Amino acid sequence: MPRSNYRDPMLEQRWRRLLRRWERSTRSVRDFCTDHAVSEASFYAWRRELAVRDRERATAAATAPEPAAATPALIPVRVIATTPLEVVLPGGLVVRVPGGADPAAVAQLVAALRAAPC
């Protein structure tokens, strides 16, 4: 029967905990396995398997492409005339606009501030 690719995360966590406990102990593998009611064969198989998984994760992380920097986008909003508006631009610049301000003027101001370095 072909081997399943399913990995039980709870089982993996259990074995990771057991292996960490063994590493901190002064017990031999045989004594540790006897104390924890696990077979030595399972102990060695899981130790080997988890080492392989850790290497795979490290390799995948090292070869993963850098995520593309997200380009901030302006989104359309509906401004209620009496409510003051606060626009936070990339880089932390904050523009406070009084309620009732001309939307076209605010859009021009924001576009100019985004284009000019501060």
C-alpha atoms as a PDB file:
ATOM      1  CA  MET A   1       0.000   0.000   0.000  1.00  0.00           C
ATOM      2  CA  PRO A   2       1.430   3.455  -0.894  1.00  0.00           C
ATOM      3  CA  ARG A   3       2.520   5.680   1.947  1.00  0.00           C
ATOM      4  CA  SER A   4       0.102   8.509   2.709  1.00  0.00           C
ATOM      5  CA  ASN A   5       1.359  12.093   2.629  1.00  0.00           C
ATOM      6  CA  TYR A   6      -0.961  13.017   5.500  1.00  0.00           C
ATOM      7  CA  ARG A   7       0.910  14.369   8.505  1.00  0.00           C
ATOM      8  CA  ASP A   8      -0.894  14.376  11.818  1.00  0.00           C
ATOM      9  CA  PRO A   9       0.165  17.638  13.503  1.00  0.00           C
ATOM     10  CA  MET A  10      -0.818  16.385  16.960  1.00  0.00           C
ATOM     11  CA  LEU A  11       1.365  13.300  16.583  1.00  0.00           C
ATOM     12  CA  GLU A  12       4.248  15.426  15.355  1.00  0.00           C
ATOM     13  CA  GLN A  13       3.874  17.761  18.340  1.00  0.00           C
ATOM     14  CA  ARG A  14       3.813  14.810  20.729  1.00  0.00           C
ATOM     15  CA  TRP A  15       7.055  13.434  19.315  1.00  0.00           C
ATOM     16  CA  ARG A  16       8.707  16.854  19.276  1.00  0.00           C
ATOM     17  CA  ARG A  17       7.847  17.228  22.964  1.00  0.00           C
ATOM     18  CA  LEU A  18       9.155  13.744  23.746  1.00  0.00           C
ATOM     19  CA  LEU A  19      12.403  14.359  21.887  1.00  0.00           C
ATOM     20  CA  ARG A  20      12.947  17.702  23.636  1.00  0.00           C
ATOM     21  CA  ARG A  21      12.276  16.003  26.968  1.00  0.00           C
ATOM     22  CA  TRP A  22      14.806  13.284  26.126  1.00  0.00           C
ATOM     23  CA  GLU A  23      17.414  15.894  25.078  1.00  0.00           C
ATOM     24  CA  ARG A  24      17.047  17.637  28.445  1.00  0.00           C
ATOM     25  CA  SER A  25      17.212  14.363  30.360  1.00  0.00           C
ATOM     26  CA  THR A  26      20.282  12.384  31.254  1.00  0.00           C
ATOM     27  CA  ARG A  27      18.594   9.094  30.373  1.00  0.00           C
ATOM     28  CA  SER A  28      19.706   6.712  27.661  1.00  0.00           C
ATOM     29  CA  VAL A  29      17.344   6.254  24.724  1.00  0.00           C
ATOM     30  CA  ARG A  30      16.454   2.772  25.952  1.00  0.00           C
ATOM     31  CA  ASP A  31      15.619   3.937  29.495  1.00  0.00           C
ATOM     32  CA  PHE A  32      13.744   6.989  28.259  1.00  0.00           C
ATOM     33  CA  CYS A  33      11.631   4.891  25.880  1.00  0.00           C
ATOM     34  CA  THR A  34      10.859   2.402  28.637  1.00  0.00           C
ATOM     35  CA  ASP A  35       9.846   5.214  31.001  1.00  0.00           C
ATOM     36  CA  HIS A  36       7.547   6.756  28.371  1.00  0.00           C
ATOM     37  CA  ALA A  37       6.152   3.526  26.950  1.00  0.00           C
ATOM     38  CA  VAL A  38       7.403   4.048  23.394  1.00  0.00           C
ATOM     39  CA  SER A  39       9.466   1.714  21.276  1.00  0.00           C
ATOM     40  CA  GLU A  40      13.065   2.513  20.478  1.00  0.00           C
ATOM     41  CA  ALA A  41      12.341   1.929  16.800  1.00  0.00           C
ATOM     42  CA  SER A  42       9.623   4.593  16.879  1.00  0.00           C
ATOM     43  CA  PHE A  43      11.907   6.936  18.788  1.00  0.00           C
ATOM     44  CA  TYR A  44      14.687   6.654  16.203  1.00  0.00           C
ATOM     45  CA  ALA A  45      12.256   6.797  13.259  1.00  0.00           C
ATOM     46  CA  TRP A  46      10.595   9.957  14.567  1.00  0.00           C
ATOM     47  CA  ARG A  47      13.909  11.585  15.408  1.00  0.00           C
ATOM     48  CA  ARG A  48      15.065  10.962  11.841  1.00  0.00           C
ATOM     49  CA  GLU A  49      11.720  12.056  10.304  1.00  0.00           C
ATOM     50  CA  LEU A  50      11.570  15.296  12.273  1.00  0.00           C
ATOM     51  CA  ALA A  51      15.149  16.127  11.306  1.00  0.00           C
ATOM     52  CA  VAL A  52      14.175  15.645   7.637  1.00  0.00           C
ATOM     53  CA  ARG A  53      11.087  17.845   8.074  1.00  0.00           C
ATOM     54  CA  ASP A  54      13.139  20.559   9.760  1.00  0.00           C
ATOM     55  CA  ARG A  55      15.679  20.505   6.917  1.00  0.00           C
ATOM     56  CA  GLU A  56      12.856  20.701   4.343  1.00  0.00           C
ATOM     57  CA  ARG A  57      11.343  23.717   6.114  1.00  0.00           C
ATOM     58  CA  ALA A  58      14.712  25.443   6.361  1.00  0.00           C
ATOM     59  CA  THR A  59      15.407  24.836   2.673  1.00  0.00           C
ATOM     60  CA  ALA A  60      11.943  26.036   1.667  1.00  0.00           C
ATOM     61  CA  ALA A  61      12.311  29.172   3.769  1.00  0.00           C
ATOM     62  CA  ALA A  62      15.757  29.909   2.340  1.00  0.00           C
ATOM     63  CA  THR A  63      14.652  29.494  -1.271  1.00  0.00           C
ATOM     64  CA  ALA A  64      11.263  31.184  -0.973  1.00  0.00           C
ATOM     65  CA  PRO A  65      11.029  34.349  -3.046  1.00  0.00           C
ATOM     66  CA  GLU A  66      10.756  37.604  -1.165  1.00  0.00           C
ATOM     67  CA  PRO A  67       7.146  38.768  -1.048  1.00  0.00           C
ATOM     68  CA  ALA A  68       6.500  41.671  -3.368  1.00  0.00           C
ATOM     69  CA  ALA A  69       6.165  44.960  -1.555  1.00  0.00           C
ATOM     70  CA  ALA A  70       2.536  45.934  -1.503  1.00  0.00           C
ATOM     71  CA  THR A  71       1.858  49.207  -3.238  1.00  0.00           C
ATOM     72  CA  PRO A  72      -0.438  51.280  -1.072  1.00  0.00           C
ATOM     73  CA  ALA A  73      -3.558  52.254  -2.895  1.00  0.00           C
ATOM     74  CA  LEU A  74      -6.046  54.996  -2.320  1.00  0.00           C
ATOM     75  CA  ILE A  75      -9.543  53.706  -1.939  1.00  0.00           C
ATOM     76  CA  PRO A  76     -12.730  55.609  -2.668  1.00  0.00           C
ATOM     77  CA  VAL A  77     -14.554  56.937   0.370  1.00  0.00           C
ATOM     78  CA  ARG A  78     -17.729  58.870   0.906  1.00  0.00           C
ATOM     79  CA  VAL A  79     -17.166  61.897   3.116  1.00  0.00           C
ATOM     80  CA  ILE A  80     -20.003  63.189   5.260  1.00  0.00           C
ATOM     81  CA  ALA A  81     -19.808  66.982   5.218  1.00  0.00           C
ATOM     82  CA  THR A  82     -19.757  67.537   8.988  1.00  0.00           C
ATOM     83  CA  THR A  83     -17.197  64.885   9.870  1.00  0.00           C
ATOM     84  CA  PRO A  84     -13.507  65.819   9.877  1.00  0.00           C
ATOM     85  CA  LEU A  85     -11.398  63.497   7.767  1.00  0.00           C
ATOM     86  CA  GLU A  86      -7.913  62.167   8.503  1.00  0.00           C
ATOM     87  CA  VAL A  87      -5.790  60.770   5.674  1.00  0.00           C
ATOM     88  CA  VAL A  88      -2.690  58.776   6.637  1.00  0.00           C
ATOM     89  CA  LEU A  89      -0.173  58.535   3.813  1.00  0.00           C
ATOM     90  CA  PRO A  90       2.570  55.931   3.407  1.00  0.00           C
ATOM     91  CA  GLY A  91       5.478  56.981   5.579  1.00  0.00           C
ATOM     92  CA  GLY A  92       3.172  58.180   8.350  1.00  0.00           C
ATOM     93  CA  LEU A  93       2.285  61.665   7.101  1.00  0.00           C
ATOM     94  CA  VAL A  94      -1.176  62.618   8.381  1.00  0.00           C
ATOM     95  CA  VAL A  95      -3.451  65.110   6.611  1.00  0.00           C
ATOM     96  CA  ARG A  96      -6.464  66.387   8.553  1.00  0.00           C
ATOM     97  CA  VAL A  97      -9.225  67.828   6.394  1.00  0.00           C
ATOM     98  CA  PRO A  98     -12.191  69.725   7.807  1.00  0.00           C
ATOM     99  CA  GLY A  99     -15.678  68.510   6.980  1.00  0.00           C
ATOM    100  CA  GLY A 100     -17.090  70.042   3.845  1.00  0.00           C
ATOM    101  CA  ALA A 101     -13.701  70.417   2.114  1.00  0.00           C
ATOM    102  CA  ASP A 102     -13.709  70.233  -1.672  1.00  0.00           C
ATOM    103  CA  PRO A 103     -13.018  66.564  -2.606  1.00  0.00           C
ATOM    104  CA  ALA A 104     -11.101  67.554  -5.744  1.00  0.00           C
ATOM    105  CA  ALA A 105      -8.820  69.840  -3.722  1.00  0.00           C
ATOM    106  CA  VAL A 106      -8.209  67.103  -1.148  1.00  0.00           C
ATOM    107  CA  ALA A 107      -7.393  64.619  -3.928  1.00  0.00           C
ATOM    108  CA  GLN A 108      -4.904  67.096  -5.455  1.00  0.00           C
ATOM    109  CA  LEU A 109      -3.317  67.701  -2.059  1.00  0.00           C
ATOM    110  CA  VAL A 110      -2.945  63.996  -1.345  1.00  0.00           C
ATOM    111  CA  ALA A 111      -1.519  63.324  -4.826  1.00  0.00           C
ATOM    112  CA  ALA A 112       0.994  66.158  -4.422  1.00  0.00           C
ATOM    113  CA  LEU A 113       2.060  64.965  -0.977  1.00  0.00           C
ATOM    114  CA  ARG A 114       2.506  61.380  -2.189  1.00  0.00           C
ATOM    115  CA  ALA A 115       4.647  62.550  -5.117  1.00  0.00           C
ATOM    116  CA  ALA A 116       6.900  64.930  -3.164  1.00  0.00           C
ATOM    117  CA  PRO A 117       9.444  63.532  -0.715  1.00  0.00           C
ATOM    118  CA  CYS A 118       9.114  65.020   2.747  1.00  0.00           C
END
